[in-house]
């Protein structure tokens, strides 16, 4: 194989990994918070599902997209490079698993999914258990995949065969690598809520965390196996269309710019409206100290002079509120006028 063909395969694998990164990131935004909650906090499945909300998923999706665009192309390109090296499949799996360059990314995603603070010191937390888990997972997944493919090569070449094979392979690899994963979860516990070793490794908790986590990851990657080829076909169709119509690039760039500008303008408008609502909020005018203390000091009776002072104080408070409302209305009218002129 020539050097140019080899580089072309590496670049192609990296681009293929980028497509898979989008699909996997969408699935991971839902599955990772569930699995991490059950692994570290020992939360039951239904309670972990209740803790999910759309805002949390949307926020974590930004993290999964950014990190997957680093991890997936890197691993796909590494896999193509390792295919040119004459090593046993087990050694290749070990090499791919112990690449600690992505360990900070893994810990960063974990802490983001658990809403924990991220510092440079905890990016390499639980390095040993994570490496152990990844080595066992890589070897088990390689062996199980080869075994399932050898059972029926014809079925394994079909789409449904690949989906079923991926699900069974991932579930088996997750179960076999569970000791390293459970030890990693024990090391990643927050210090203020850390459980004892005996309490954390109760058999019921370990079995629940392992089986539910393995099934969730198996379903996620099986769906990714089914969706990634369709996404790649769509990307190829778009590439061909863009090659035939170069002006489409300009349209896409203008569309993206328009979306960015409109989003920024909308956020600024929402911020201004929030400030105006705060201005229009009712003034919390507590009773003046005179009204509370003087009746008590004078035996329940208020002197006419003091009553006149209280009345004047109330009138000044009402006048101040009317002035604030009038100024706020004028500011809203001014901002609306400026916004219409900007449009």
C-alpha atoms as a PDB file:
ATOM      1  CA  UNK A   1       0.000   0.000   0.000  1.00  0.00           C
ATOM      2  CA  UNK A   2       1.404   3.388  -0.974  1.00  0.00           C
ATOM      3  CA  UNK A   3       1.861   6.163   1.551  1.00  0.00           C
ATOM      4  CA  UNK A   4      -0.804   8.284  -0.175  1.00  0.00           C
ATOM      5  CA  UNK A   5      -3.393   5.475   0.026  1.00  0.00           C
ATOM      6  CA  UNK A   6      -2.517   4.878   3.667  1.00  0.00           C
ATOM      7  CA  UNK A   7      -2.995   8.539   4.563  1.00  0.00           C
ATOM      8  CA  UNK A   8      -6.241   8.572   2.613  1.00  0.00           C
ATOM      9  CA  UNK A   9      -7.514   5.636   4.694  1.00  0.00           C
ATOM     10  CA  UNK A  10      -6.488   7.377   7.913  1.00  0.00           C
ATOM     11  CA  UNK A  11      -8.255  10.609   6.922  1.00  0.00           C
ATOM     12  CA  UNK A  12     -11.310   8.671   5.774  1.00  0.00           C
ATOM     13  CA  UNK A  13     -11.455   6.765   9.052  1.00  0.00           C
ATOM     14  CA  UNK A  14     -11.158  10.026  10.991  1.00  0.00           C
ATOM     15  CA  UNK A  15     -14.056  11.560   9.029  1.00  0.00           C
ATOM     16  CA  UNK A  16     -16.087   8.396   9.575  1.00  0.00           C
ATOM     17  CA  UNK A  17     -15.377   8.710  13.280  1.00  0.00           C
ATOM     18  CA  UNK A  18     -16.622  12.308  13.178  1.00  0.00           C
ATOM     19  CA  UNK A  19     -19.983  11.122  11.819  1.00  0.00           C
ATOM     20  CA  UNK A  20     -20.181   8.477  14.515  1.00  0.00           C
ATOM     21  CA  UNK A  21     -19.269  11.098  17.101  1.00  0.00           C
ATOM     22  CA  UNK A  22     -22.466  13.051  16.429  1.00  0.00           C
ATOM     23  CA  UNK A  23     -24.656   9.946  16.701  1.00  0.00           C
ATOM     24  CA  UNK A  24     -22.906   8.696  19.836  1.00  0.00           C
ATOM     25  CA  UNK A  25     -22.959  12.141  21.468  1.00  0.00           C
ATOM     26  CA  UNK A  26     -26.727  12.369  21.051  1.00  0.00           C
ATOM     27  CA  UNK A  27     -27.175   8.982  22.735  1.00  0.00           C
ATOM     28  CA  UNK A  28     -24.545   9.601  25.429  1.00  0.00           C
ATOM     29  CA  UNK A  29     -26.240  12.834  26.499  1.00  0.00           C
ATOM     30  CA  UNK A  30     -29.068  10.653  27.849  1.00  0.00           C
ATOM     31  CA  UNK A  31     -27.315   7.418  28.827  1.00  0.00           C
ATOM     32  CA  UNK A  32     -24.145   8.655  30.563  1.00  0.00           C
ATOM     33  CA  UNK A  33     -25.885  10.596  33.379  1.00  0.00           C
ATOM     34  CA  UNK A  34     -27.998   7.496  34.064  1.00  0.00           C
ATOM     35  CA  UNK A  35     -25.047   5.091  34.132  1.00  0.00           C
ATOM     36  CA  UNK A  36     -22.818   7.410  36.186  1.00  0.00           C
ATOM     37  CA  UNK A  37     -25.561   8.065  38.739  1.00  0.00           C
ATOM     38  CA  UNK A  38     -26.113   4.351  39.200  1.00  0.00           C
ATOM     39  CA  UNK A  39     -22.379   3.606  39.303  1.00  0.00           C
ATOM     40  CA  UNK A  40     -21.161   6.278  41.733  1.00  0.00           C
ATOM     41  CA  UNK A  41     -24.216   7.309  43.747  1.00  0.00           C
ATOM     42  CA  UNK A  42     -25.805   3.824  43.654  1.00  0.00           C
ATOM     43  CA  UNK A  43     -29.069   5.445  42.586  1.00  0.00           C
ATOM     44  CA  UNK A  44     -31.898   3.100  41.487  1.00  0.00           C
ATOM     45  CA  UNK A  45     -32.781   3.201  37.793  1.00  0.00           C
ATOM     46  CA  UNK A  46     -36.200   4.854  38.148  1.00  0.00           C
ATOM     47  CA  UNK A  47     -34.828   7.536  40.454  1.00  0.00           C
ATOM     48  CA  UNK A  48     -31.956   8.213  38.031  1.00  0.00           C
ATOM     49  CA  UNK A  49     -34.484   8.587  35.197  1.00  0.00           C
ATOM     50  CA  UNK A  50     -36.542  11.038  37.280  1.00  0.00           C
ATOM     51  CA  UNK A  51     -33.440  13.182  37.846  1.00  0.00           C
ATOM     52  CA  UNK A  52     -33.030  13.690  34.091  1.00  0.00           C
ATOM     53  CA  UNK A  53     -34.539  16.776  32.491  1.00  0.00           C
ATOM     54  CA  UNK A  54     -34.416  18.361  29.044  1.00  0.00           C
ATOM     55  CA  UNK A  55     -32.241  21.272  30.152  1.00  0.00           C
ATOM     56  CA  UNK A  56     -29.667  18.922  31.676  1.00  0.00           C
ATOM     57  CA  UNK A  57     -29.566  16.749  28.544  1.00  0.00           C
ATOM     58  CA  UNK A  58     -29.200  19.800  26.304  1.00  0.00           C
ATOM     59  CA  UNK A  59     -26.354  21.163  28.416  1.00  0.00           C
ATOM     60  CA  UNK A  60     -24.517  17.824  28.583  1.00  0.00           C
ATOM     61  CA  UNK A  61     -24.954  17.332  24.825  1.00  0.00           C
ATOM     62  CA  UNK A  62     -22.564  20.238  24.266  1.00  0.00           C
ATOM     63  CA  UNK A  63     -19.950  18.377  26.335  1.00  0.00           C
ATOM     64  CA  UNK A  64     -20.447  15.033  24.576  1.00  0.00           C
ATOM     65  CA  UNK A  65     -20.245  16.618  21.127  1.00  0.00           C
ATOM     66  CA  UNK A  66     -17.030  18.489  21.909  1.00  0.00           C
ATOM     67  CA  UNK A  67     -15.303  15.480  23.484  1.00  0.00           C
ATOM     68  CA  UNK A  68     -16.520  12.958  20.896  1.00  0.00           C
ATOM     69  CA  UNK A  69     -15.060  15.056  18.090  1.00  0.00           C
ATOM     70  CA  UNK A  70     -11.695  14.457  19.768  1.00  0.00           C
ATOM     71  CA  UNK A  71     -12.073  10.819  20.804  1.00  0.00           C
ATOM     72  CA  UNK A  72     -13.847   9.195  17.848  1.00  0.00           C
ATOM     73  CA  UNK A  73     -11.649  10.420  14.976  1.00  0.00           C
ATOM     74  CA  UNK A  74      -8.582   9.682  17.124  1.00  0.00           C
ATOM     75  CA  UNK A  75      -9.603   6.082  17.811  1.00  0.00           C
ATOM     76  CA  UNK A  76     -10.711   5.403  14.240  1.00  0.00           C
ATOM     77  CA  UNK A  77      -7.432   6.743  12.864  1.00  0.00           C
ATOM     78  CA  UNK A  78      -5.475   4.791  15.513  1.00  0.00           C
ATOM     79  CA  UNK A  79      -7.316   1.605  14.519  1.00  0.00           C
ATOM     80  CA  UNK A  80      -6.323   2.051  10.854  1.00  0.00           C
ATOM     81  CA  UNK A  81      -2.703   2.740  11.846  1.00  0.00           C
ATOM     82  CA  UNK A  82      -2.592  -0.357  14.077  1.00  0.00           C
ATOM     83  CA  UNK A  83      -3.907  -2.511  11.234  1.00  0.00           C
ATOM     84  CA  UNK A  84      -0.630  -1.876   9.461  1.00  0.00           C
ATOM     85  CA  UNK A  85       1.332  -3.172  12.466  1.00  0.00           C
ATOM     86  CA  UNK A  86       1.803  -6.932  12.762  1.00  0.00           C
ATOM     87  CA  UNK A  87       0.630  -7.553  16.328  1.00  0.00           C
ATOM     88  CA  UNK A  88      -1.815 -10.049  17.846  1.00  0.00           C
ATOM     89  CA  UNK A  89      -5.400  -8.772  18.185  1.00  0.00           C
ATOM     90  CA  UNK A  90      -5.063  -8.848  21.990  1.00  0.00           C
ATOM     91  CA  UNK A  91      -1.989  -6.611  21.905  1.00  0.00           C
ATOM     92  CA  UNK A  92      -3.788  -4.179  19.575  1.00  0.00           C
ATOM     93  CA  UNK A  93      -6.766  -4.066  21.973  1.00  0.00           C
ATOM     94  CA  UNK A  94      -4.438  -3.424  24.917  1.00  0.00           C
ATOM     95  CA  UNK A  95      -2.671  -0.629  23.023  1.00  0.00           C
ATOM     96  CA  UNK A  96      -5.965   1.037  22.143  1.00  0.00           C
ATOM     97  CA  UNK A  97      -7.176   0.749  25.723  1.00  0.00           C
ATOM     98  CA  UNK A  98      -4.166   2.134  27.584  1.00  0.00           C
ATOM     99  CA  UNK A  99      -3.929   5.320  25.503  1.00  0.00           C
ATOM    100  CA  UNK A 100      -4.166   7.656  28.518  1.00  0.00           C
ATOM    101  CA  UNK A 101      -4.304  10.686  26.232  1.00  0.00           C
ATOM    102  CA  UNK A 102      -8.103  10.471  26.405  1.00  0.00           C
ATOM    103  CA  UNK A 103      -8.361   9.799  30.152  1.00  0.00           C
ATOM    104  CA  UNK A 104      -8.789  13.526  30.993  1.00  0.00           C
ATOM    105  CA  UNK A 105     -11.621  13.647  28.453  1.00  0.00           C
ATOM    106  CA  UNK A 106     -13.304  10.647  30.114  1.00  0.00           C
ATOM    107  CA  UNK A 107     -13.061  12.188  33.587  1.00  0.00           C
ATOM    108  CA  UNK A 108     -14.156  15.588  32.259  1.00  0.00           C
ATOM    109  CA  UNK A 109     -17.310  14.045  30.807  1.00  0.00           C
ATOM    110  CA  UNK A 110     -17.962  12.114  33.998  1.00  0.00           C
ATOM    111  CA  UNK A 111     -17.759  15.210  36.192  1.00  0.00           C
ATOM    112  CA  UNK A 112     -19.920  17.225  33.810  1.00  0.00           C
ATOM    113  CA  UNK A 113     -22.585  14.507  33.760  1.00  0.00           C
ATOM    114  CA  UNK A 114     -22.629  14.500  37.587  1.00  0.00           C
ATOM    115  CA  UNK A 115     -22.556  18.328  37.876  1.00  0.00           C
ATOM    116  CA  UNK A 116     -19.283  18.161  39.797  1.00  0.00           C
ATOM    117  CA  UNK A 117     -16.546  20.835  39.665  1.00  0.00           C
ATOM    118  CA  UNK A 118     -13.723  20.240  37.166  1.00  0.00           C
ATOM    119  CA  UNK A 119     -10.140  21.020  38.196  1.00  0.00           C
ATOM    120  CA  UNK A 120      -6.796  20.003  36.639  1.00  0.00           C
ATOM    121  CA  UNK A 121      -6.143  17.761  39.629  1.00  0.00           C
ATOM    122  CA  UNK A 122      -9.149  15.486  39.095  1.00  0.00           C
ATOM    123  CA  UNK A 123      -8.741  14.950  35.343  1.00  0.00           C
ATOM    124  CA  UNK A 124      -6.405  11.997  36.014  1.00  0.00           C
ATOM    125  CA  UNK A 125      -8.427  10.700  38.963  1.00  0.00           C
ATOM    126  CA  UNK A 126      -8.818   6.891  39.181  1.00  0.00           C
ATOM    127  CA  UNK A 127      -6.205   6.373  36.454  1.00  0.00           C
ATOM    128  CA  UNK A 128      -5.350   2.797  37.504  1.00  0.00           C
ATOM    129  CA  UNK A 129      -8.926   1.407  37.697  1.00  0.00           C
ATOM    130  CA  UNK A 130      -9.829   3.160  34.431  1.00  0.00           C
ATOM    131  CA  UNK A 131      -6.845   1.644  32.608  1.00  0.00           C
ATOM    132  CA  UNK A 132      -7.701  -1.805  34.043  1.00  0.00           C
ATOM    133  CA  UNK A 133     -11.316  -1.470  32.942  1.00  0.00           C
ATOM    134  CA  UNK A 134     -10.384  -0.317  29.433  1.00  0.00           C
ATOM    135  CA  UNK A 135      -7.827  -3.111  28.949  1.00  0.00           C
ATOM    136  CA  UNK A 136     -10.307  -5.816  29.988  1.00  0.00           C
ATOM    137  CA  UNK A 137     -13.062  -4.177  27.956  1.00  0.00           C
ATOM    138  CA  UNK A 138     -10.894  -3.924  24.832  1.00  0.00           C
ATOM    139  CA  UNK A 139      -9.721  -7.559  25.005  1.00  0.00           C
ATOM    140  CA  UNK A 140     -13.211  -8.898  25.819  1.00  0.00           C
ATOM    141  CA  UNK A 141     -14.884  -6.904  23.062  1.00  0.00           C
ATOM    142  CA  UNK A 142     -12.298  -8.049  20.512  1.00  0.00           C
ATOM    143  CA  UNK A 143     -12.623 -11.729  21.490  1.00  0.00           C
ATOM    144  CA  UNK A 144     -16.428 -11.736  21.728  1.00  0.00           C
ATOM    145  CA  UNK A 145     -16.780  -9.938  18.392  1.00  0.00           C
ATOM    146  CA  UNK A 146     -14.554 -12.472  16.633  1.00  0.00           C
ATOM    147  CA  UNK A 147     -16.437 -15.362  18.265  1.00  0.00           C
ATOM    148  CA  UNK A 148     -19.896 -14.076  17.265  1.00  0.00           C
ATOM    149  CA  UNK A 149     -18.779 -13.363  13.718  1.00  0.00           C
ATOM    150  CA  UNK A 150     -17.342 -16.882  13.363  1.00  0.00           C
ATOM    151  CA  UNK A 151     -20.660 -18.423  14.407  1.00  0.00           C
ATOM    152  CA  UNK A 152     -22.465 -17.159  11.303  1.00  0.00           C
ATOM    153  CA  UNK A 153     -20.501 -14.900   8.942  1.00  0.00           C
ATOM    154  CA  UNK A 154     -23.484 -14.547   6.589  1.00  0.00           C
ATOM    155  CA  UNK A 155     -25.778 -13.184   9.315  1.00  0.00           C
ATOM    156  CA  UNK A 156     -23.004 -11.009  10.741  1.00  0.00           C
ATOM    157  CA  UNK A 157     -22.691  -9.208   7.387  1.00  0.00           C
ATOM    158  CA  UNK A 158     -26.328  -8.014   7.475  1.00  0.00           C
ATOM    159  CA  UNK A 159     -27.522  -4.871   9.204  1.00  0.00           C
ATOM    160  CA  UNK A 160     -29.590  -6.735  11.793  1.00  0.00           C
ATOM    161  CA  UNK A 161     -26.723  -9.133  12.393  1.00  0.00           C
ATOM    162  CA  UNK A 162     -24.333  -6.237  13.046  1.00  0.00           C
ATOM    163  CA  UNK A 163     -26.808  -4.599  15.436  1.00  0.00           C
ATOM    164  CA  UNK A 164     -27.387  -7.813  17.423  1.00  0.00           C
ATOM    165  CA  UNK A 165     -23.670  -8.599  17.419  1.00  0.00           C
ATOM    166  CA  UNK A 166     -22.811  -5.108  18.685  1.00  0.00           C
ATOM    167  CA  UNK A 167     -25.395  -5.342  21.477  1.00  0.00           C
ATOM    168  CA  UNK A 168     -24.205  -8.780  22.634  1.00  0.00           C
ATOM    169  CA  UNK A 169     -20.537  -7.812  22.342  1.00  0.00           C
ATOM    170  CA  UNK A 170     -20.888  -4.615  24.366  1.00  0.00           C
ATOM    171  CA  UNK A 171     -23.009  -6.252  27.078  1.00  0.00           C
ATOM    172  CA  UNK A 172     -20.517  -9.111  27.438  1.00  0.00           C
ATOM    173  CA  UNK A 173     -17.516  -6.733  27.477  1.00  0.00           C
ATOM    174  CA  UNK A 174     -19.169  -4.459  30.073  1.00  0.00           C
ATOM    175  CA  UNK A 175     -19.976  -7.413  32.340  1.00  0.00           C
ATOM    176  CA  UNK A 176     -16.451  -8.861  32.056  1.00  0.00           C
ATOM    177  CA  UNK A 177     -14.835  -5.467  32.740  1.00  0.00           C
ATOM    178  CA  UNK A 178     -17.217  -4.718  35.625  1.00  0.00           C
ATOM    179  CA  UNK A 179     -14.617  -5.204  38.416  1.00  0.00           C
ATOM    180  CA  UNK A 180     -12.465  -2.385  37.023  1.00  0.00           C
ATOM    181  CA  UNK A 181     -15.521  -0.226  36.391  1.00  0.00           C
ATOM    182  CA  UNK A 182     -16.892  -0.712  39.919  1.00  0.00           C
ATOM    183  CA  UNK A 183     -13.495   0.059  41.420  1.00  0.00           C
ATOM    184  CA  UNK A 184     -13.355   3.207  39.273  1.00  0.00           C
ATOM    185  CA  UNK A 185     -16.781   4.255  40.564  1.00  0.00           C
ATOM    186  CA  UNK A 186     -15.624   3.752  44.149  1.00  0.00           C
ATOM    187  CA  UNK A 187     -12.565   5.968  43.560  1.00  0.00           C
ATOM    188  CA  UNK A 188     -14.641   8.696  41.870  1.00  0.00           C
ATOM    189  CA  UNK A 189     -17.071   9.189  44.762  1.00  0.00           C
ATOM    190  CA  UNK A 190     -17.411  12.771  46.052  1.00  0.00           C
ATOM    191  CA  UNK A 191     -15.590  13.076  49.404  1.00  0.00           C
ATOM    192  CA  UNK A 192     -18.602  14.492  51.227  1.00  0.00           C
ATOM    193  CA  UNK A 193     -20.867  11.575  50.164  1.00  0.00           C
ATOM    194  CA  UNK A 194     -18.335   8.748  50.058  1.00  0.00           C
ATOM    195  CA  UNK A 195     -19.664   5.326  51.050  1.00  0.00           C
ATOM    196  CA  UNK A 196     -17.603   2.719  52.845  1.00  0.00           C
ATOM    197  CA  UNK A 197     -16.029  -0.140  50.873  1.00  0.00           C
ATOM    198  CA  UNK A 198     -18.423  -2.744  52.309  1.00  0.00           C
ATOM    199  CA  UNK A 199     -21.479  -0.566  51.676  1.00  0.00           C
ATOM    200  CA  UNK A 200     -20.435   0.401  48.145  1.00  0.00           C
ATOM    201  CA  UNK A 201     -19.672  -3.170  47.043  1.00  0.00           C
ATOM    202  CA  UNK A 202     -22.851  -4.787  48.283  1.00  0.00           C
ATOM    203  CA  UNK A 203     -23.699  -7.627  45.845  1.00  0.00           C
ATOM    204  CA  UNK A 204     -27.159  -6.273  45.036  1.00  0.00           C
ATOM    205  CA  UNK A 205     -25.764  -2.823  44.199  1.00  0.00           C
ATOM    206  CA  UNK A 206     -22.921  -4.253  42.098  1.00  0.00           C
ATOM    207  CA  UNK A 207     -25.227  -6.562  40.114  1.00  0.00           C
ATOM    208  CA  UNK A 208     -27.772  -3.788  39.522  1.00  0.00           C
ATOM    209  CA  UNK A 209     -25.157  -1.273  38.435  1.00  0.00           C
ATOM    210  CA  UNK A 210     -23.358  -3.775  36.173  1.00  0.00           C
ATOM    211  CA  UNK A 211     -26.393  -5.261  34.417  1.00  0.00           C
ATOM    212  CA  UNK A 212     -28.364  -2.050  33.940  1.00  0.00           C
ATOM    213  CA  UNK A 213     -25.258  -0.135  32.839  1.00  0.00           C
ATOM    214  CA  UNK A 214     -24.266  -2.899  30.391  1.00  0.00           C
ATOM    215  CA  UNK A 215     -27.763  -3.062  28.878  1.00  0.00           C
ATOM    216  CA  UNK A 216     -27.957   0.723  28.506  1.00  0.00           C
ATOM    217  CA  UNK A 217     -24.538   0.872  26.816  1.00  0.00           C
ATOM    218  CA  UNK A 218     -25.410  -2.111  24.604  1.00  0.00           C
ATOM    219  CA  UNK A 219     -28.660  -0.507  23.415  1.00  0.00           C
ATOM    220  CA  UNK A 220     -26.910   2.816  22.877  1.00  0.00           C
ATOM    221  CA  UNK A 221     -24.103   1.392  20.727  1.00  0.00           C
ATOM    222  CA  UNK A 222     -26.513  -0.915  18.869  1.00  0.00           C
ATOM    223  CA  UNK A 223     -28.624   2.099  17.904  1.00  0.00           C
ATOM    224  CA  UNK A 224     -25.430   3.892  16.937  1.00  0.00           C
ATOM    225  CA  UNK A 225     -24.425   0.951  14.723  1.00  0.00           C
ATOM    226  CA  UNK A 226     -27.767   1.184  12.971  1.00  0.00           C
ATOM    227  CA  UNK A 227     -27.861   4.976  12.681  1.00  0.00           C
ATOM    228  CA  UNK A 228     -24.240   5.726  11.750  1.00  0.00           C
ATOM    229  CA  UNK A 229     -24.359   4.170   8.212  1.00  0.00           C
ATOM    230  CA  UNK A 230     -27.519   6.139   7.445  1.00  0.00           C
ATOM    231  CA  UNK A 231     -25.860   9.329   8.644  1.00  0.00           C
ATOM    232  CA  UNK A 232     -22.810   8.549   6.518  1.00  0.00           C
ATOM    233  CA  UNK A 233     -25.016   8.032   3.449  1.00  0.00           C
ATOM    234  CA  UNK A 234     -26.682  11.389   4.085  1.00  0.00           C
ATOM    235  CA  UNK A 235     -23.272  13.057   4.421  1.00  0.00           C
ATOM    236  CA  UNK A 236     -22.128  11.510   1.116  1.00  0.00           C
ATOM    237  CA  UNK A 237     -25.256  12.760  -0.669  1.00  0.00           C
ATOM    238  CA  UNK A 238     -24.667  16.244   0.729  1.00  0.00           C
ATOM    239  CA  UNK A 239     -21.011  16.144  -0.346  1.00  0.00           C
ATOM    240  CA  UNK A 240     -21.939  15.217  -3.902  1.00  0.00           C
ATOM    241  CA  UNK A 241     -24.568  17.941  -4.056  1.00  0.00           C
ATOM    242  CA  UNK A 242     -22.138  20.540  -2.728  1.00  0.00           C
ATOM    243  CA  UNK A 243     -19.510  19.494  -5.268  1.00  0.00           C
ATOM    244  CA  UNK A 244     -22.001  19.984  -8.104  1.00  0.00           C
ATOM    245  CA  UNK A 245     -23.275  23.288  -6.647  1.00  0.00           C
ATOM    246  CA  UNK A 246     -20.365  25.261  -5.145  1.00  0.00           C
ATOM    247  CA  UNK A 247     -22.622  28.239  -4.362  1.00  0.00           C
ATOM    248  CA  UNK A 248     -24.332  26.067  -1.776  1.00  0.00           C
ATOM    249  CA  UNK A 249     -21.318  26.589   0.479  1.00  0.00           C
ATOM    250  CA  UNK A 250     -22.056  30.328   0.488  1.00  0.00           C
ATOM    251  CA  UNK A 251     -25.704  29.678   1.329  1.00  0.00           C
ATOM    252  CA  UNK A 252     -24.734  27.394   4.215  1.00  0.00           C
ATOM    253  CA  UNK A 253     -22.229  29.923   5.590  1.00  0.00           C
ATOM    254  CA  UNK A 254     -24.780  32.740   5.371  1.00  0.00           C
ATOM    255  CA  UNK A 255     -27.407  30.556   7.043  1.00  0.00           C
ATOM    256  CA  UNK A 256     -25.050  29.717   9.926  1.00  0.00           C
ATOM    257  CA  UNK A 257     -24.098  33.392  10.346  1.00  0.00           C
ATOM    258  CA  UNK A 258     -27.741  34.403  10.339  1.00  0.00           C
ATOM    259  CA  UNK A 259     -28.530  31.798  13.021  1.00  0.00           C
ATOM    260  CA  UNK A 260     -25.617  32.951  15.187  1.00  0.00           C
ATOM    261  CA  UNK A 261     -26.566  36.622  14.875  1.00  0.00           C
ATOM    262  CA  UNK A 262     -30.256  35.980  15.549  1.00  0.00           C
ATOM    263  CA  UNK A 263     -29.422  33.810  18.565  1.00  0.00           C
ATOM    264  CA  UNK A 264     -27.127  36.469  19.996  1.00  0.00           C
ATOM    265  CA  UNK A 265     -29.697  39.196  19.365  1.00  0.00           C
ATOM    266  CA  UNK A 266     -32.427  37.135  20.992  1.00  0.00           C
ATOM    267  CA  UNK A 267     -30.299  36.457  24.071  1.00  0.00           C
ATOM    268  CA  UNK A 268     -29.519  40.176  24.409  1.00  0.00           C
ATOM    269  CA  UNK A 269     -33.204  41.051  24.085  1.00  0.00           C
ATOM    270  CA  UNK A 270     -34.161  38.453  26.705  1.00  0.00           C
ATOM    271  CA  UNK A 271     -31.518  39.856  29.062  1.00  0.00           C
ATOM    272  CA  UNK A 272     -32.850  43.390  28.592  1.00  0.00           C
ATOM    273  CA  UNK A 273     -36.436  42.280  29.115  1.00  0.00           C
ATOM    274  CA  UNK A 274     -35.361  40.510  32.295  1.00  0.00           C
ATOM    275  CA  UNK A 275     -33.772  43.716  33.557  1.00  0.00           C
ATOM    276  CA  UNK A 276     -36.944  45.650  32.748  1.00  0.00           C
ATOM    277  CA  UNK A 277     -39.113  43.140  34.566  1.00  0.00           C
ATOM    278  CA  UNK A 278     -36.862  43.561  37.585  1.00  0.00           C
ATOM    279  CA  UNK A 279     -37.358  47.332  37.396  1.00  0.00           C
ATOM    280  CA  UNK A 280     -41.125  46.891  37.130  1.00  0.00           C
ATOM    281  CA  UNK A 281     -41.261  44.549  40.122  1.00  0.00           C
ATOM    282  CA  UNK A 282     -43.370  45.936  42.950  1.00  0.00           C
ATOM    283  CA  UNK A 283     -41.406  47.884  45.500  1.00  0.00           C
ATOM    284  CA  UNK A 284     -41.317  46.181  48.869  1.00  0.00           C
ATOM    285  CA  UNK A 285     -42.278  49.111  51.057  1.00  0.00           C
ATOM    286  CA  UNK A 286     -42.185  47.932  54.602  1.00  0.00           C
ATOM    287  CA  UNK A 287     -44.036  49.800  57.292  1.00  0.00           C
ATOM    288  CA  UNK A 288     -41.970  52.703  58.576  1.00  0.00           C
ATOM    289  CA  UNK A 289     -40.411  52.374  61.962  1.00  0.00           C
ATOM    290  CA  UNK A 290     -42.585  55.260  63.203  1.00  0.00           C
ATOM    291  CA  UNK A 291     -45.773  53.301  62.541  1.00  0.00           C
ATOM    292  CA  UNK A 292     -44.531  50.286  64.502  1.00  0.00           C
ATOM    293  CA  UNK A 293     -42.816  51.926  67.477  1.00  0.00           C
ATOM    294  CA  UNK A 294     -44.852  55.016  68.346  1.00  0.00           C
ATOM    295  CA  UNK A 295     -48.155  53.276  69.170  1.00  0.00           C
ATOM    296  CA  UNK A 296     -46.252  50.939  71.476  1.00  0.00           C
ATOM    297  CA  UNK A 297     -44.348  53.793  73.119  1.00  0.00           C
ATOM    298  CA  UNK A 298     -47.461  55.963  73.590  1.00  0.00           C
ATOM    299  CA  UNK A 299     -49.714  53.207  74.950  1.00  0.00           C
ATOM    300  CA  UNK A 300     -51.512  52.425  71.713  1.00  0.00           C
ATOM    301  CA  UNK A 301     -52.237  56.059  70.808  1.00  0.00           C
ATOM    302  CA  UNK A 302     -50.566  58.004  68.004  1.00  0.00           C
ATOM    303  CA  UNK A 303     -50.013  61.715  68.413  1.00  0.00           C
ATOM    304  CA  UNK A 304     -51.569  63.855  65.601  1.00  0.00           C
ATOM    305  CA  UNK A 305     -48.135  65.168  64.670  1.00  0.00           C
ATOM    306  CA  UNK A 306     -46.804  61.651  64.231  1.00  0.00           C
ATOM    307  CA  UNK A 307     -49.901  60.625  62.259  1.00  0.00           C
ATOM    308  CA  UNK A 308     -49.275  63.551  59.884  1.00  0.00           C
ATOM    309  CA  UNK A 309     -45.655  62.438  59.431  1.00  0.00           C
ATOM    310  CA  UNK A 310     -46.778  58.897  58.622  1.00  0.00           C
ATOM    311  CA  UNK A 311     -49.287  60.155  56.072  1.00  0.00           C
ATOM    312  CA  UNK A 312     -46.638  62.309  54.403  1.00  0.00           C
ATOM    313  CA  UNK A 313     -44.272  59.282  54.305  1.00  0.00           C
ATOM    314  CA  UNK A 314     -46.923  57.131  52.590  1.00  0.00           C
ATOM    315  CA  UNK A 315     -47.592  59.855  50.001  1.00  0.00           C
ATOM    316  CA  UNK A 316     -43.871  60.086  49.209  1.00  0.00           C
ATOM    317  CA  UNK A 317     -43.692  56.288  48.818  1.00  0.00           C
ATOM    318  CA  UNK A 318     -46.631  56.280  46.382  1.00  0.00           C
ATOM    319  CA  UNK A 319     -45.093  59.130  44.418  1.00  0.00           C
ATOM    320  CA  UNK A 320     -41.795  57.249  44.207  1.00  0.00           C
ATOM    321  CA  UNK A 321     -43.542  54.108  42.886  1.00  0.00           C
ATOM    322  CA  UNK A 322     -45.405  56.124  40.228  1.00  0.00           C
ATOM    323  CA  UNK A 323     -42.123  57.705  39.141  1.00  0.00           C
ATOM    324  CA  UNK A 324     -40.425  54.300  38.876  1.00  0.00           C
ATOM    325  CA  UNK A 325     -43.255  52.859  36.782  1.00  0.00           C
ATOM    326  CA  UNK A 326     -43.291  55.909  34.478  1.00  0.00           C
ATOM    327  CA  UNK A 327     -39.506  55.716  33.989  1.00  0.00           C
ATOM    328  CA  UNK A 328     -39.656  51.958  33.320  1.00  0.00           C
ATOM    329  CA  UNK A 329     -42.399  52.398  30.709  1.00  0.00           C
ATOM    330  CA  UNK A 330     -40.354  55.104  28.998  1.00  0.00           C
ATOM    331  CA  UNK A 331     -37.283  52.845  28.941  1.00  0.00           C
ATOM    332  CA  UNK A 332     -39.275  49.954  27.421  1.00  0.00           C
ATOM    333  CA  UNK A 333     -40.695  52.253  24.739  1.00  0.00           C
ATOM    334  CA  UNK A 334     -37.210  53.568  23.969  1.00  0.00           C
ATOM    335  CA  UNK A 335     -35.700  50.056  23.734  1.00  0.00           C
ATOM    336  CA  UNK A 336     -38.554  48.828  21.504  1.00  0.00           C
ATOM    337  CA  UNK A 337     -38.003  51.775  19.186  1.00  0.00           C
ATOM    338  CA  UNK A 338     -34.266  51.121  18.998  1.00  0.00           C
ATOM    339  CA  UNK A 339     -34.877  47.424  18.386  1.00  0.00           C
ATOM    340  CA  UNK A 340     -37.284  48.151  15.490  1.00  0.00           C
ATOM    341  CA  UNK A 341     -34.741  50.535  13.969  1.00  0.00           C
ATOM    342  CA  UNK A 342     -32.021  47.861  14.296  1.00  0.00           C
ATOM    343  CA  UNK A 343     -34.205  45.337  12.480  1.00  0.00           C
END
